[in-house]
């Protein structure tokens, strides 16, 4: 290989490395600081369909701007009558994280009978415009209604 070609390859490698560094500085990884703390009201929330592994928190791992992460959980009606479910978030830290991060689920409002277990997918979505937040935490509140 000619010295001129090696010099071009070196220049291209330096440009690519500079671009990668610029991207990393512009779009840093976002790490969920603590975790999403689960607060269950009138229901049980579990990792497994047999309801033997209760959930107290969800560790979303490392997330990038624009990322979407899913986790499947199992919710059991631990009351005596049919219910529906409600999902809320609270206690965002930092408080402006709620402007860039959202939580949703695939639950469609169907009635859940006493002792019935359903699988639900929680979806964490990170805005591609997130800035100034390197770690965050929040509470996930799943409530029985009815």
C-alpha atoms as a PDB file:
ATOM      1  CA  UNK A   1       0.000   0.000   0.000  1.00  0.00           C
ATOM      2  CA  UNK A   2       1.278   3.467  -0.808  1.00  0.00           C
ATOM      3  CA  UNK A   3       2.120   5.927   1.922  1.00  0.00           C
ATOM      4  CA  UNK A   4      -0.406   8.354   0.408  1.00  0.00           C
ATOM      5  CA  UNK A   5      -3.181   5.747   0.782  1.00  0.00           C
ATOM      6  CA  UNK A   6      -2.183   5.081   4.391  1.00  0.00           C
ATOM      7  CA  UNK A   7      -2.335   8.812   5.085  1.00  0.00           C
ATOM      8  CA  UNK A   8      -5.857   8.964   3.570  1.00  0.00           C
ATOM      9  CA  UNK A   9      -6.987   5.999   5.664  1.00  0.00           C
ATOM     10  CA  UNK A  10      -5.553   7.642   8.782  1.00  0.00           C
ATOM     11  CA  UNK A  11      -7.341  10.902   7.966  1.00  0.00           C
ATOM     12  CA  UNK A  12     -10.644   9.090   7.386  1.00  0.00           C
ATOM     13  CA  UNK A  13     -10.229   7.202  10.674  1.00  0.00           C
ATOM     14  CA  UNK A  14      -9.595  10.462  12.528  1.00  0.00           C
ATOM     15  CA  UNK A  15     -12.674  12.079  10.959  1.00  0.00           C
ATOM     16  CA  UNK A  16     -14.840   9.070  11.885  1.00  0.00           C
ATOM     17  CA  UNK A  17     -13.480   9.063  15.443  1.00  0.00           C
ATOM     18  CA  UNK A  18     -14.211  12.800  15.737  1.00  0.00           C
ATOM     19  CA  UNK A  19     -17.747  12.228  14.470  1.00  0.00           C
ATOM     20  CA  UNK A  20     -18.286   9.409  16.997  1.00  0.00           C
ATOM     21  CA  UNK A  21     -17.052  11.609  19.845  1.00  0.00           C
ATOM     22  CA  UNK A  22     -19.244  14.508  18.705  1.00  0.00           C
ATOM     23  CA  UNK A  23     -22.258  12.155  18.546  1.00  0.00           C
ATOM     24  CA  UNK A  24     -21.528  10.783  22.022  1.00  0.00           C
ATOM     25  CA  UNK A  25     -21.287  14.305  23.437  1.00  0.00           C
ATOM     26  CA  UNK A  26     -24.474  15.405  21.672  1.00  0.00           C
ATOM     27  CA  UNK A  27     -26.477  12.250  22.454  1.00  0.00           C
ATOM     28  CA  UNK A  28     -25.108  10.821  25.701  1.00  0.00           C
ATOM     29  CA  UNK A  29     -26.470   7.624  27.180  1.00  0.00           C
ATOM     30  CA  UNK A  30     -29.154   8.190  29.742  1.00  0.00           C
ATOM     31  CA  UNK A  31     -28.970   5.904  32.766  1.00  0.00           C
ATOM     32  CA  UNK A  32     -31.966   5.397  34.985  1.00  0.00           C
ATOM     33  CA  UNK A  33     -30.551   6.546  38.309  1.00  0.00           C
ATOM     34  CA  UNK A  34     -32.397   4.513  40.874  1.00  0.00           C
ATOM     35  CA  UNK A  35     -35.096   2.536  39.108  1.00  0.00           C
ATOM     36  CA  UNK A  36     -38.805   2.786  38.454  1.00  0.00           C
ATOM     37  CA  UNK A  37     -40.312   2.001  41.862  1.00  0.00           C
ATOM     38  CA  UNK A  38     -43.551  -0.004  41.650  1.00  0.00           C
ATOM     39  CA  UNK A  39     -46.408   1.024  43.954  1.00  0.00           C
ATOM     40  CA  UNK A  40     -49.324  -1.398  43.655  1.00  0.00           C
ATOM     41  CA  UNK A  41     -52.691  -0.400  45.117  1.00  0.00           C
ATOM     42  CA  UNK A  42     -55.250  -3.208  45.367  1.00  0.00           C
ATOM     43  CA  UNK A  43     -53.364  -5.505  42.990  1.00  0.00           C
ATOM     44  CA  UNK A  44     -50.281  -7.678  43.019  1.00  0.00           C
ATOM     45  CA  UNK A  45     -47.517  -7.022  40.492  1.00  0.00           C
ATOM     46  CA  UNK A  46     -45.160  -9.869  39.575  1.00  0.00           C
ATOM     47  CA  UNK A  47     -42.372 -10.912  37.204  1.00  0.00           C
ATOM     48  CA  UNK A  48     -43.965 -14.303  36.516  1.00  0.00           C
ATOM     49  CA  UNK A  49     -47.425 -15.578  35.578  1.00  0.00           C
ATOM     50  CA  UNK A  50     -47.445 -17.849  38.638  1.00  0.00           C
ATOM     51  CA  UNK A  51     -47.212 -14.734  40.848  1.00  0.00           C
ATOM     52  CA  UNK A  52     -44.300 -16.073  42.893  1.00  0.00           C
ATOM     53  CA  UNK A  53     -41.843 -13.199  42.196  1.00  0.00           C
ATOM     54  CA  UNK A  54     -43.259  -9.834  43.345  1.00  0.00           C
ATOM     55  CA  UNK A  55     -41.908  -6.668  41.742  1.00  0.00           C
ATOM     56  CA  UNK A  56     -40.836  -3.688  43.805  1.00  0.00           C
ATOM     57  CA  UNK A  57     -38.895  -1.907  41.050  1.00  0.00           C
ATOM     58  CA  UNK A  58     -37.951  -2.015  37.379  1.00  0.00           C
ATOM     59  CA  UNK A  59     -34.355  -1.409  36.290  1.00  0.00           C
ATOM     60  CA  UNK A  60     -34.617  -0.112  32.731  1.00  0.00           C
ATOM     61  CA  UNK A  61     -30.869  -0.341  32.161  1.00  0.00           C
ATOM     62  CA  UNK A  62     -29.004   2.074  29.916  1.00  0.00           C
ATOM     63  CA  UNK A  63     -31.239   3.934  27.495  1.00  0.00           C
ATOM     64  CA  UNK A  64     -30.325   6.217  24.609  1.00  0.00           C
ATOM     65  CA  UNK A  65     -32.178   9.315  23.367  1.00  0.00           C
ATOM     66  CA  UNK A  66     -35.033   8.164  21.143  1.00  0.00           C
ATOM     67  CA  UNK A  67     -35.076   4.682  22.718  1.00  0.00           C
ATOM     68  CA  UNK A  68     -38.135   2.635  23.575  1.00  0.00           C
ATOM     69  CA  UNK A  69     -37.846  -0.176  26.142  1.00  0.00           C
ATOM     70  CA  UNK A  70     -40.485  -2.756  27.010  1.00  0.00           C
ATOM     71  CA  UNK A  71     -40.878  -4.974  30.050  1.00  0.00           C
ATOM     72  CA  UNK A  72     -43.650  -7.516  30.635  1.00  0.00           C
ATOM     73  CA  UNK A  73     -45.163  -7.786  34.088  1.00  0.00           C
ATOM     74  CA  UNK A  74     -48.058  -9.792  35.517  1.00  0.00           C
ATOM     75  CA  UNK A  75     -50.848  -8.145  37.470  1.00  0.00           C
ATOM     76  CA  UNK A  76     -53.214 -10.099  39.710  1.00  0.00           C
ATOM     77  CA  UNK A  77     -56.514  -8.855  41.083  1.00  0.00           C
ATOM     78  CA  UNK A  78     -56.089  -9.626  44.772  1.00  0.00           C
ATOM     79  CA  UNK A  79     -59.565  -8.413  45.711  1.00  0.00           C
ATOM     80  CA  UNK A  80     -63.001 -10.076  45.754  1.00  0.00           C
ATOM     81  CA  UNK A  81     -64.665  -8.241  42.850  1.00  0.00           C
ATOM     82  CA  UNK A  82     -63.839  -7.401  39.230  1.00  0.00           C
ATOM     83  CA  UNK A  83     -61.633  -4.352  38.697  1.00  0.00           C
ATOM     84  CA  UNK A  84     -60.005  -2.309  35.971  1.00  0.00           C
ATOM     85  CA  UNK A  85     -56.531  -0.805  36.212  1.00  0.00           C
ATOM     86  CA  UNK A  86     -55.050   2.651  36.316  1.00  0.00           C
ATOM     87  CA  UNK A  87     -51.418   3.614  35.546  1.00  0.00           C
ATOM     88  CA  UNK A  88     -49.774   6.791  36.823  1.00  0.00           C
ATOM     89  CA  UNK A  89     -46.266   8.082  37.388  1.00  0.00           C
ATOM     90  CA  UNK A  90     -45.046  10.417  40.137  1.00  0.00           C
ATOM     91  CA  UNK A  91     -41.975  11.627  42.023  1.00  0.00           C
ATOM     92  CA  UNK A  92     -39.857  12.242  38.924  1.00  0.00           C
ATOM     93  CA  UNK A  93     -36.247  12.971  39.817  1.00  0.00           C
ATOM     94  CA  UNK A  94     -35.186  15.323  38.386  1.00  0.00           C
ATOM     95  CA  UNK A  95     -38.655  16.829  38.022  1.00  0.00           C
ATOM     96  CA  UNK A  96     -38.057  17.901  34.392  1.00  0.00           C
ATOM     97  CA  UNK A  97     -37.402  14.272  33.368  1.00  0.00           C
ATOM     98  CA  UNK A  98     -41.171  13.896  32.827  1.00  0.00           C
ATOM     99  CA  UNK A  99     -40.814  16.368  29.924  1.00  0.00           C
ATOM    100  CA  UNK A 100     -38.606  13.883  28.038  1.00  0.00           C
ATOM    101  CA  UNK A 101     -39.581  10.455  29.347  1.00  0.00           C
ATOM    102  CA  UNK A 102     -42.950   8.738  29.297  1.00  0.00           C
ATOM    103  CA  UNK A 103     -44.393   5.457  30.461  1.00  0.00           C
ATOM    104  CA  UNK A 104     -47.329   3.702  28.812  1.00  0.00           C
ATOM    105  CA  UNK A 105     -48.771   0.197  28.696  1.00  0.00           C
ATOM    106  CA  UNK A 106     -50.774  -2.080  26.437  1.00  0.00           C
ATOM    107  CA  UNK A 107     -53.619  -2.622  28.922  1.00  0.00           C
ATOM    108  CA  UNK A 108     -56.935  -1.822  27.192  1.00  0.00           C
ATOM    109  CA  UNK A 109     -59.285  -1.364  30.150  1.00  0.00           C
ATOM    110  CA  UNK A 110     -60.773  -4.862  30.278  1.00  0.00           C
ATOM    111  CA  UNK A 111     -62.284  -6.089  33.548  1.00  0.00           C
ATOM    112  CA  UNK A 112     -60.090  -8.361  35.642  1.00  0.00           C
ATOM    113  CA  UNK A 113     -61.909 -10.886  37.830  1.00  0.00           C
ATOM    114  CA  UNK A 114     -60.900 -11.728  41.403  1.00  0.00           C
ATOM    115  CA  UNK A 115     -57.619 -13.692  41.425  1.00  0.00           C
ATOM    116  CA  UNK A 116     -57.268 -13.333  37.631  1.00  0.00           C
ATOM    117  CA  UNK A 117     -53.746 -12.652  36.329  1.00  0.00           C
ATOM    118  CA  UNK A 118     -53.030 -10.683  33.149  1.00  0.00           C
ATOM    119  CA  UNK A 119     -49.769  -9.963  31.324  1.00  0.00           C
ATOM    120  CA  UNK A 120     -49.118  -6.271  30.691  1.00  0.00           C
ATOM    121  CA  UNK A 121     -46.250  -4.666  28.781  1.00  0.00           C
ATOM    122  CA  UNK A 122     -44.885  -1.408  30.193  1.00  0.00           C
ATOM    123  CA  UNK A 123     -43.208   0.823  27.599  1.00  0.00           C
ATOM    124  CA  UNK A 124     -40.622   3.445  28.553  1.00  0.00           C
ATOM    125  CA  UNK A 125     -40.054   6.045  25.813  1.00  0.00           C
ATOM    126  CA  UNK A 126     -37.136   8.485  25.832  1.00  0.00           C
ATOM    127  CA  UNK A 127     -37.415  11.643  23.732  1.00  0.00           C
ATOM    128  CA  UNK A 128     -34.702  12.127  21.129  1.00  0.00           C
ATOM    129  CA  UNK A 129     -34.528  15.747  22.389  1.00  0.00           C
ATOM    130  CA  UNK A 130     -33.579  14.857  25.969  1.00  0.00           C
ATOM    131  CA  UNK A 131     -30.865  17.153  27.307  1.00  0.00           C
ATOM    132  CA  UNK A 132     -29.151  17.735  30.614  1.00  0.00           C
ATOM    133  CA  UNK A 133     -30.404  14.538  32.233  1.00  0.00           C
ATOM    134  CA  UNK A 134     -27.934  11.743  32.861  1.00  0.00           C
ATOM    135  CA  UNK A 135     -29.903   9.779  35.456  1.00  0.00           C
ATOM    136  CA  UNK A 136     -33.479   9.774  36.645  1.00  0.00           C
ATOM    137  CA  UNK A 137     -36.020   7.844  38.667  1.00  0.00           C
ATOM    138  CA  UNK A 138     -39.761   7.850  39.175  1.00  0.00           C
ATOM    139  CA  UNK A 139     -42.595   5.911  40.809  1.00  0.00           C
ATOM    140  CA  UNK A 140     -44.899   3.669  38.768  1.00  0.00           C
ATOM    141  CA  UNK A 141     -48.338   3.507  40.377  1.00  0.00           C
ATOM    142  CA  UNK A 142     -50.650   0.666  39.319  1.00  0.00           C
ATOM    143  CA  UNK A 143     -54.066   0.884  40.957  1.00  0.00           C
ATOM    144  CA  UNK A 144     -57.231  -1.182  41.060  1.00  0.00           C
ATOM    145  CA  UNK A 145     -60.342   0.769  40.067  1.00  0.00           C
ATOM    146  CA  UNK A 146     -63.807  -0.493  40.975  1.00  0.00           C
END
